[in-house]
N, C-alpha and C. Protein backbone atom coordinates (compact mmCIF):
# COMPACT_ATOMS: atom_id res chain seq x y z
N UNK A 1 -2.70 9.17 14.32
CA UNK A 1 -3.64 8.55 13.44
C UNK A 1 -3.10 8.50 12.01
N UNK A 2 -2.47 9.60 11.55
CA UNK A 2 -1.91 9.64 10.22
C UNK A 2 -0.81 8.60 10.08
N UNK A 3 -0.05 8.42 11.16
CA UNK A 3 1.05 7.47 11.14
C UNK A 3 0.53 6.05 10.84
N UNK A 4 -0.61 5.69 11.43
CA UNK A 4 -1.22 4.38 11.19
C UNK A 4 -1.57 4.22 9.71
N UNK A 5 -2.12 5.26 9.12
CA UNK A 5 -2.50 5.20 7.71
C UNK A 5 -1.28 5.06 6.81
N UNK A 6 -0.21 5.73 7.15
CA UNK A 6 1.02 5.62 6.36
C UNK A 6 1.57 4.21 6.44
N UNK A 7 1.62 3.63 7.64
CA UNK A 7 2.13 2.27 7.81
C UNK A 7 1.22 1.28 7.06
N UNK A 8 -0.10 1.45 7.24
CA UNK A 8 -1.04 0.57 6.56
C UNK A 8 -0.87 0.69 5.04
N UNK A 9 -0.72 1.89 4.54
CA UNK A 9 -0.52 2.11 3.10
C UNK A 9 0.76 1.44 2.61
N UNK A 10 1.83 1.56 3.39
CA UNK A 10 3.11 0.92 3.01
C UNK A 10 2.98 -0.60 2.99
N UNK A 11 2.31 -1.14 3.98
CA UNK A 11 2.10 -2.59 4.02
C UNK A 11 1.27 -3.07 2.83
N UNK A 12 0.21 -2.32 2.52
CA UNK A 12 -0.62 -2.68 1.37
C UNK A 12 0.17 -2.61 0.07
N UNK A 13 0.99 -1.57 -0.09
CA UNK A 13 1.79 -1.44 -1.30
C UNK A 13 2.82 -2.56 -1.39
N UNK A 14 3.41 -2.94 -0.28
CA UNK A 14 4.38 -4.03 -0.28
C UNK A 14 3.71 -5.33 -0.69
N UNK A 15 2.51 -5.57 -0.19
CA UNK A 15 1.75 -6.76 -0.58
C UNK A 15 1.39 -6.74 -2.05
N UNK A 16 1.01 -5.56 -2.57
CA UNK A 16 0.69 -5.44 -3.99
C UNK A 16 1.91 -5.71 -4.83
N UNK A 17 3.06 -5.20 -4.42
CA UNK A 17 4.29 -5.40 -5.19
C UNK A 17 4.65 -6.87 -5.24
N UNK A 18 4.47 -7.59 -4.14
CA UNK A 18 4.76 -9.02 -4.15
C UNK A 18 3.77 -9.77 -5.03
N UNK A 19 2.52 -9.39 -4.98
CA UNK A 19 1.49 -10.10 -5.74
C UNK A 19 1.66 -9.89 -7.24
N UNK A 20 2.20 -8.74 -7.65
CA UNK A 20 2.33 -8.47 -9.07
C UNK A 20 3.76 -8.72 -9.58
N UNK A 21 4.63 -9.18 -8.71
CA UNK A 21 6.00 -9.46 -9.12
C UNK A 21 5.99 -10.56 -10.18
N UNK A 22 6.71 -10.37 -11.29
CA UNK A 22 6.68 -11.38 -12.33
C UNK A 22 7.25 -12.71 -11.85
N UNK A 23 6.62 -13.79 -12.27
CA UNK A 23 7.10 -15.11 -11.89
C UNK A 23 8.04 -15.62 -12.97
N UNK A 24 8.95 -16.49 -12.59
CA UNK A 24 9.88 -17.03 -13.56
C UNK A 24 9.16 -18.02 -14.46
N UNK A 25 9.73 -18.24 -15.63
CA UNK A 25 9.16 -19.19 -16.57
C UNK A 25 9.07 -20.57 -15.94
N UNK A 26 10.10 -20.95 -15.18
CA UNK A 26 10.11 -22.26 -14.53
C UNK A 26 8.92 -22.40 -13.58
N UNK A 27 8.62 -21.35 -12.82
CA UNK A 27 7.49 -21.40 -11.89
C UNK A 27 6.18 -21.57 -12.64
N UNK A 28 6.03 -20.86 -13.75
CA UNK A 28 4.78 -20.95 -14.51
C UNK A 28 4.64 -22.32 -15.14
N UNK A 29 5.71 -22.85 -15.73
CA UNK A 29 5.63 -24.16 -16.36
C UNK A 29 5.40 -25.26 -15.33
N UNK A 30 5.90 -25.07 -14.13
CA UNK A 30 5.69 -26.09 -13.09
C UNK A 30 4.22 -26.14 -12.66
N UNK A 31 3.43 -25.15 -13.04
CA UNK A 31 2.00 -25.16 -12.75
C UNK A 31 1.24 -26.08 -13.70
N UNK A 32 1.88 -26.48 -14.81
CA UNK A 32 1.26 -27.43 -15.73
C UNK A 32 1.37 -28.81 -15.08
N UNK A 33 0.27 -29.50 -14.97
CA UNK A 33 0.22 -30.79 -14.29
C UNK A 33 1.25 -31.76 -14.87
N UNK A 34 2.15 -32.24 -14.03
CA UNK A 34 3.18 -33.23 -14.35
C UNK A 34 4.20 -32.74 -15.38
N UNK A 35 4.40 -31.45 -15.51
CA UNK A 35 5.38 -30.92 -16.47
C UNK A 35 6.78 -31.42 -16.12
N UNK A 36 7.47 -31.91 -17.14
CA UNK A 36 8.86 -32.34 -16.94
C UNK A 36 9.64 -32.15 -18.23
N UNK A 37 10.85 -31.63 -18.10
CA UNK A 37 11.76 -31.56 -19.23
C UNK A 37 12.41 -32.93 -19.35
N UNK A 38 12.28 -33.56 -20.50
CA UNK A 38 12.83 -34.88 -20.73
C UNK A 38 14.23 -34.76 -21.30
N UNK A 39 14.45 -33.72 -22.08
CA UNK A 39 15.77 -33.43 -22.65
C UNK A 39 15.85 -31.92 -22.85
N UNK A 40 16.89 -31.46 -23.48
CA UNK A 40 17.04 -30.02 -23.70
C UNK A 40 15.97 -29.45 -24.61
N UNK A 41 15.37 -30.30 -25.46
CA UNK A 41 14.39 -29.80 -26.43
C UNK A 41 13.02 -30.46 -26.34
N UNK A 42 12.81 -31.32 -25.36
CA UNK A 42 11.55 -32.06 -25.30
C UNK A 42 11.01 -32.06 -23.87
N UNK A 43 9.73 -31.70 -23.74
CA UNK A 43 9.05 -31.73 -22.45
C UNK A 43 7.73 -32.48 -22.61
N UNK A 44 7.27 -33.07 -21.51
CA UNK A 44 5.97 -33.74 -21.52
C UNK A 44 5.18 -33.31 -20.29
N UNK A 45 3.85 -33.50 -20.39
CA UNK A 45 2.97 -33.15 -19.28
C UNK A 45 1.59 -33.72 -19.53
N UNK A 46 0.74 -33.57 -18.52
CA UNK A 46 -0.67 -33.84 -18.69
C UNK A 46 -1.27 -32.62 -19.41
N UNK A 47 -2.52 -32.70 -19.79
CA UNK A 47 -3.16 -31.62 -20.55
C UNK A 47 -3.02 -30.28 -19.87
N UNK A 48 -2.47 -29.31 -20.57
CA UNK A 48 -2.35 -27.96 -20.00
C UNK A 48 -3.66 -27.19 -20.12
N UNK A 49 -3.81 -26.18 -19.31
CA UNK A 49 -4.92 -25.25 -19.43
C UNK A 49 -4.61 -24.30 -20.59
N UNK A 50 -5.61 -23.66 -21.16
CA UNK A 50 -5.37 -22.78 -22.29
C UNK A 50 -4.39 -21.66 -21.97
N UNK A 51 -4.44 -21.12 -20.75
CA UNK A 51 -3.54 -20.02 -20.40
C UNK A 51 -2.08 -20.47 -20.36
N UNK A 52 -1.84 -21.78 -20.25
CA UNK A 52 -0.47 -22.28 -20.22
C UNK A 52 0.19 -22.25 -21.60
N UNK A 53 -0.59 -22.19 -22.67
CA UNK A 53 -0.01 -22.16 -24.01
C UNK A 53 0.85 -20.91 -24.19
N UNK A 54 0.41 -19.78 -23.66
CA UNK A 54 1.22 -18.55 -23.75
C UNK A 54 2.52 -18.73 -22.98
N UNK A 55 2.46 -19.37 -21.82
CA UNK A 55 3.67 -19.63 -21.03
C UNK A 55 4.63 -20.54 -21.79
N UNK A 56 4.09 -21.54 -22.46
CA UNK A 56 4.93 -22.43 -23.27
C UNK A 56 5.60 -21.64 -24.38
N UNK A 57 4.85 -20.79 -25.04
CA UNK A 57 5.40 -19.95 -26.11
C UNK A 57 6.50 -19.05 -25.55
N UNK A 58 6.23 -18.42 -24.41
CA UNK A 58 7.22 -17.53 -23.78
C UNK A 58 8.49 -18.27 -23.39
N UNK A 59 8.36 -19.56 -23.07
CA UNK A 59 9.52 -20.37 -22.67
C UNK A 59 10.29 -20.88 -23.88
N UNK A 60 9.79 -20.62 -25.09
CA UNK A 60 10.52 -21.00 -26.30
C UNK A 60 10.00 -22.23 -27.01
N UNK A 61 8.90 -22.80 -26.54
CA UNK A 61 8.35 -23.96 -27.22
C UNK A 61 7.71 -23.51 -28.53
N UNK A 62 8.03 -24.24 -29.60
CA UNK A 62 7.52 -23.91 -30.92
C UNK A 62 6.56 -24.96 -31.46
N UNK A 63 6.65 -26.17 -30.95
CA UNK A 63 5.87 -27.29 -31.48
C UNK A 63 5.14 -28.01 -30.35
N UNK A 64 3.88 -28.31 -30.58
CA UNK A 64 3.08 -29.04 -29.61
C UNK A 64 2.54 -30.30 -30.29
N UNK A 65 2.67 -31.41 -29.59
CA UNK A 65 2.14 -32.69 -30.07
C UNK A 65 1.24 -33.24 -28.97
N UNK A 66 0.02 -33.61 -29.34
CA UNK A 66 -0.88 -34.25 -28.39
C UNK A 66 -1.09 -35.69 -28.83
N UNK A 67 -1.07 -36.59 -27.85
CA UNK A 67 -1.29 -38.01 -28.08
C UNK A 67 -2.65 -38.36 -27.49
N UNK A 68 -3.69 -38.26 -28.30
CA UNK A 68 -5.05 -38.44 -27.79
C UNK A 68 -5.99 -38.73 -28.94
N UNK A 69 -7.07 -39.44 -28.65
CA UNK A 69 -8.06 -39.72 -29.68
C UNK A 69 -9.16 -38.66 -29.75
N UNK A 70 -9.23 -37.80 -28.77
CA UNK A 70 -10.30 -36.80 -28.73
C UNK A 70 -10.09 -35.65 -29.69
N UNK A 71 -11.11 -34.79 -29.78
CA UNK A 71 -11.01 -33.58 -30.59
C UNK A 71 -10.36 -32.49 -29.76
N UNK A 72 -9.41 -31.81 -30.35
CA UNK A 72 -8.68 -30.76 -29.63
C UNK A 72 -8.58 -29.51 -30.49
N UNK A 73 -9.71 -29.12 -31.08
CA UNK A 73 -9.72 -27.98 -31.99
C UNK A 73 -9.44 -26.66 -31.28
N UNK A 74 -9.94 -26.52 -30.07
CA UNK A 74 -9.71 -25.27 -29.32
C UNK A 74 -8.23 -25.10 -29.02
N UNK A 75 -7.59 -26.18 -28.54
CA UNK A 75 -6.16 -26.11 -28.24
C UNK A 75 -5.35 -25.85 -29.50
N UNK A 76 -5.71 -26.53 -30.59
CA UNK A 76 -5.02 -26.35 -31.87
C UNK A 76 -5.11 -24.90 -32.34
N UNK A 77 -6.32 -24.36 -32.32
CA UNK A 77 -6.54 -22.98 -32.74
C UNK A 77 -5.75 -22.02 -31.88
N UNK A 78 -5.77 -22.24 -30.58
CA UNK A 78 -5.07 -21.37 -29.64
C UNK A 78 -3.56 -21.42 -29.87
N UNK A 79 -2.99 -22.62 -29.99
CA UNK A 79 -1.55 -22.77 -30.20
C UNK A 79 -1.12 -22.14 -31.52
N UNK A 80 -1.87 -22.39 -32.57
CA UNK A 80 -1.51 -21.84 -33.88
C UNK A 80 -1.65 -20.32 -33.90
N UNK A 81 -2.60 -19.77 -33.16
CA UNK A 81 -2.74 -18.30 -33.07
C UNK A 81 -1.51 -17.69 -32.40
N UNK A 82 -0.85 -18.47 -31.54
CA UNK A 82 0.36 -18.00 -30.87
C UNK A 82 1.62 -18.25 -31.72
N UNK A 83 1.45 -18.87 -32.88
CA UNK A 83 2.58 -19.11 -33.78
C UNK A 83 3.26 -20.45 -33.57
N UNK A 84 2.64 -21.35 -32.82
CA UNK A 84 3.22 -22.68 -32.60
C UNK A 84 2.53 -23.68 -33.52
N UNK A 85 3.25 -24.74 -33.89
CA UNK A 85 2.61 -25.82 -34.63
C UNK A 85 1.89 -26.71 -33.63
N UNK A 86 0.84 -27.38 -34.09
CA UNK A 86 0.06 -28.25 -33.23
C UNK A 86 -0.30 -29.49 -34.04
N UNK A 87 0.20 -30.63 -33.60
CA UNK A 87 -0.06 -31.90 -34.29
C UNK A 87 -0.70 -32.88 -33.32
N UNK A 88 -1.57 -33.72 -33.85
CA UNK A 88 -2.21 -34.73 -33.02
C UNK A 88 -1.94 -36.10 -33.60
N UNK A 89 -1.56 -37.03 -32.73
CA UNK A 89 -1.46 -38.44 -33.07
C UNK A 89 -2.54 -39.14 -32.27
N UNK A 90 -3.43 -39.81 -32.94
CA UNK A 90 -4.57 -40.43 -32.26
C UNK A 90 -4.15 -41.77 -31.66
N UNK A 91 -3.54 -41.66 -30.48
CA UNK A 91 -3.05 -42.85 -29.76
C UNK A 91 -4.10 -43.26 -28.74
N UNK A 92 -4.71 -44.44 -28.92
CA UNK A 92 -5.68 -44.91 -27.92
C UNK A 92 -4.97 -45.24 -26.61
N UNK A 93 -5.63 -44.93 -25.51
CA UNK A 93 -5.03 -45.16 -24.20
C UNK A 93 -4.67 -46.62 -23.98
N UNK A 94 -5.52 -47.52 -24.41
CA UNK A 94 -5.29 -48.94 -24.12
C UNK A 94 -4.57 -49.69 -25.24
N UNK A 95 -4.35 -49.05 -26.39
CA UNK A 95 -3.71 -49.76 -27.50
C UNK A 95 -2.69 -48.91 -28.24
N UNK A 96 -1.71 -48.36 -27.56
CA UNK A 96 -0.66 -47.65 -28.31
C UNK A 96 0.14 -48.68 -29.11
N UNK A 97 0.63 -48.27 -30.25
CA UNK A 97 1.35 -49.23 -31.11
C UNK A 97 2.67 -48.64 -31.59
N UNK A 98 3.49 -49.51 -32.18
CA UNK A 98 4.74 -49.06 -32.78
C UNK A 98 4.47 -48.10 -33.93
N UNK A 99 3.35 -48.28 -34.63
CA UNK A 99 3.00 -47.37 -35.71
C UNK A 99 2.76 -45.96 -35.17
N UNK A 100 2.11 -45.85 -34.01
CA UNK A 100 1.90 -44.54 -33.38
C UNK A 100 3.25 -43.92 -33.01
N UNK A 101 4.13 -44.75 -32.44
CA UNK A 101 5.44 -44.22 -32.05
C UNK A 101 6.25 -43.81 -33.27
N UNK A 102 6.14 -44.54 -34.36
CA UNK A 102 6.83 -44.17 -35.60
C UNK A 102 6.35 -42.81 -36.09
N UNK A 103 5.06 -42.57 -35.97
CA UNK A 103 4.51 -41.27 -36.35
C UNK A 103 5.07 -40.16 -35.44
N UNK A 104 5.20 -40.48 -34.16
CA UNK A 104 5.79 -39.53 -33.21
C UNK A 104 7.24 -39.22 -33.59
N UNK A 105 8.01 -40.24 -33.90
CA UNK A 105 9.41 -40.04 -34.31
C UNK A 105 9.48 -39.18 -35.58
N UNK A 106 8.57 -39.42 -36.49
CA UNK A 106 8.53 -38.64 -37.73
C UNK A 106 8.28 -37.16 -37.42
N UNK A 107 7.33 -36.89 -36.54
CA UNK A 107 7.06 -35.50 -36.16
C UNK A 107 8.25 -34.87 -35.44
N UNK A 108 8.90 -35.64 -34.59
CA UNK A 108 10.08 -35.11 -33.90
C UNK A 108 11.18 -34.79 -34.90
N UNK A 109 11.33 -35.63 -35.93
CA UNK A 109 12.31 -35.35 -36.97
C UNK A 109 11.96 -34.11 -37.77
N UNK A 110 10.68 -33.95 -38.07
CA UNK A 110 10.22 -32.78 -38.83
C UNK A 110 10.37 -31.50 -38.01
N UNK A 111 10.31 -31.63 -36.69
CA UNK A 111 10.45 -30.48 -35.79
C UNK A 111 11.79 -30.52 -35.08
N UNK A 112 12.84 -30.82 -35.83
CA UNK A 112 14.15 -31.02 -35.21
C UNK A 112 14.76 -29.73 -34.67
N UNK A 113 14.20 -28.61 -35.03
CA UNK A 113 14.68 -27.34 -34.49
C UNK A 113 13.58 -26.77 -33.62
N UNK A 114 13.95 -26.30 -32.48
CA UNK A 114 12.97 -25.72 -31.58
C UNK A 114 12.52 -26.70 -30.51
N UNK A 115 11.97 -26.15 -29.45
CA UNK A 115 11.49 -26.96 -28.34
C UNK A 115 10.15 -27.58 -28.66
N UNK A 116 9.97 -28.83 -28.23
CA UNK A 116 8.73 -29.58 -28.48
C UNK A 116 8.09 -29.91 -27.14
N UNK A 117 6.79 -29.68 -27.05
CA UNK A 117 6.00 -30.02 -25.88
C UNK A 117 5.00 -31.09 -26.29
N UNK A 118 5.08 -32.26 -25.67
CA UNK A 118 4.15 -33.35 -25.96
C UNK A 118 3.29 -33.59 -24.73
N UNK A 119 1.99 -33.78 -24.96
CA UNK A 119 1.11 -34.04 -23.82
C UNK A 119 0.02 -35.03 -24.16
N UNK A 120 -0.52 -35.62 -23.11
CA UNK A 120 -1.70 -36.47 -23.18
C UNK A 120 -2.50 -36.18 -21.91
N UNK A 121 -3.72 -36.68 -21.85
CA UNK A 121 -4.60 -36.30 -20.74
C UNK A 121 -3.94 -36.44 -19.37
N UNK A 122 -3.35 -37.58 -19.08
CA UNK A 122 -2.73 -37.82 -17.78
C UNK A 122 -1.21 -37.92 -17.84
N UNK A 123 -0.64 -37.68 -19.01
CA UNK A 123 0.80 -37.76 -19.26
C UNK A 123 1.31 -39.20 -19.32
N UNK A 124 0.44 -40.18 -19.38
CA UNK A 124 0.90 -41.56 -19.47
C UNK A 124 1.52 -41.82 -20.82
N UNK A 125 0.79 -41.52 -21.89
CA UNK A 125 1.32 -41.74 -23.23
C UNK A 125 2.45 -40.77 -23.54
N UNK A 126 2.26 -39.51 -23.19
CA UNK A 126 3.27 -38.49 -23.52
C UNK A 126 4.61 -38.78 -22.85
N UNK A 127 4.58 -39.10 -21.57
CA UNK A 127 5.86 -39.35 -20.88
C UNK A 127 6.53 -40.62 -21.40
N UNK A 128 5.71 -41.63 -21.75
CA UNK A 128 6.26 -42.87 -22.29
C UNK A 128 6.92 -42.63 -23.64
N UNK A 129 6.23 -41.92 -24.52
CA UNK A 129 6.78 -41.64 -25.85
C UNK A 129 8.01 -40.75 -25.75
N UNK A 130 7.95 -39.74 -24.89
CA UNK A 130 9.09 -38.82 -24.73
C UNK A 130 10.30 -39.57 -24.19
N UNK A 131 10.10 -40.40 -23.18
CA UNK A 131 11.21 -41.16 -22.61
C UNK A 131 11.79 -42.12 -23.64
N UNK A 132 10.91 -42.83 -24.36
CA UNK A 132 11.38 -43.79 -25.37
C UNK A 132 12.16 -43.07 -26.47
N UNK A 133 11.64 -41.94 -26.94
CA UNK A 133 12.33 -41.17 -27.98
C UNK A 133 13.68 -40.68 -27.48
N UNK A 134 13.70 -40.16 -26.26
CA UNK A 134 14.95 -39.65 -25.68
C UNK A 134 15.98 -40.77 -25.53
N UNK A 135 15.53 -41.95 -25.14
CA UNK A 135 16.44 -43.11 -25.00
C UNK A 135 17.05 -43.48 -26.34
N UNK A 136 16.24 -43.46 -27.38
CA UNK A 136 16.75 -43.77 -28.72
C UNK A 136 17.79 -42.73 -29.14
N UNK A 137 17.52 -41.46 -28.85
CA UNK A 137 18.46 -40.40 -29.21
C UNK A 137 19.77 -40.56 -28.46
N UNK A 138 19.68 -40.88 -27.17
CA UNK A 138 20.90 -41.09 -26.38
C UNK A 138 21.68 -42.29 -26.89
N UNK A 139 20.99 -43.38 -27.21
CA UNK A 139 21.66 -44.56 -27.74
C UNK A 139 22.35 -44.24 -29.07
N UNK A 140 21.67 -43.47 -29.92
CA UNK A 140 22.26 -43.10 -31.20
C UNK A 140 23.50 -42.23 -31.00
N UNK A 141 23.46 -41.36 -30.00
CA UNK A 141 24.62 -40.52 -29.68
C UNK A 141 25.79 -41.34 -29.17
N UNK A 142 25.51 -42.34 -28.36
CA UNK A 142 26.57 -43.21 -27.85
C UNK A 142 27.17 -44.02 -28.98
N UNK A 143 26.35 -44.52 -29.88
CA UNK A 143 26.84 -45.29 -31.00
C UNK A 143 27.71 -44.44 -31.91
N UNK A 144 27.32 -43.19 -32.10
CA UNK A 144 28.08 -42.29 -32.98
C UNK A 144 29.44 -41.97 -32.38
N UNK A 145 29.54 -41.96 -31.06
CA UNK A 145 30.82 -41.65 -30.40
C UNK A 145 31.77 -42.83 -30.45
N UNK A 146 31.25 -44.05 -30.56
CA UNK A 146 32.11 -45.26 -30.54
C UNK A 146 32.61 -45.61 -31.91
């Protein structure tokens, strides 16, 4: 009978050890809806949950940009409490413009050091702006090499 309890205890402890084993940063960030690294310093995703902000901070992200017309005071307060900058560009879903993208480029220039995380509700605007910005950077790099 004691033998059964010892085996059961070992199995329970093994399960507890697996459940509390730390997860990698990559695993945690992949839990953010549509998270993708666009370049070495820029990532985009759909709106993260509040608990993901700590994971972003732990992964080295210093700057957060949201492309949305809504109010995001809770996210802003949370990000800034963690020591990250939080900027919003009010990009309407149906009418993004070159002026909005110019503002995004300006913020990327101002945050030229450190990792930047850009998001929008469904990642439509964020992934588009991130891809467009990354393409411009790659083109500029190719031009500089020639």
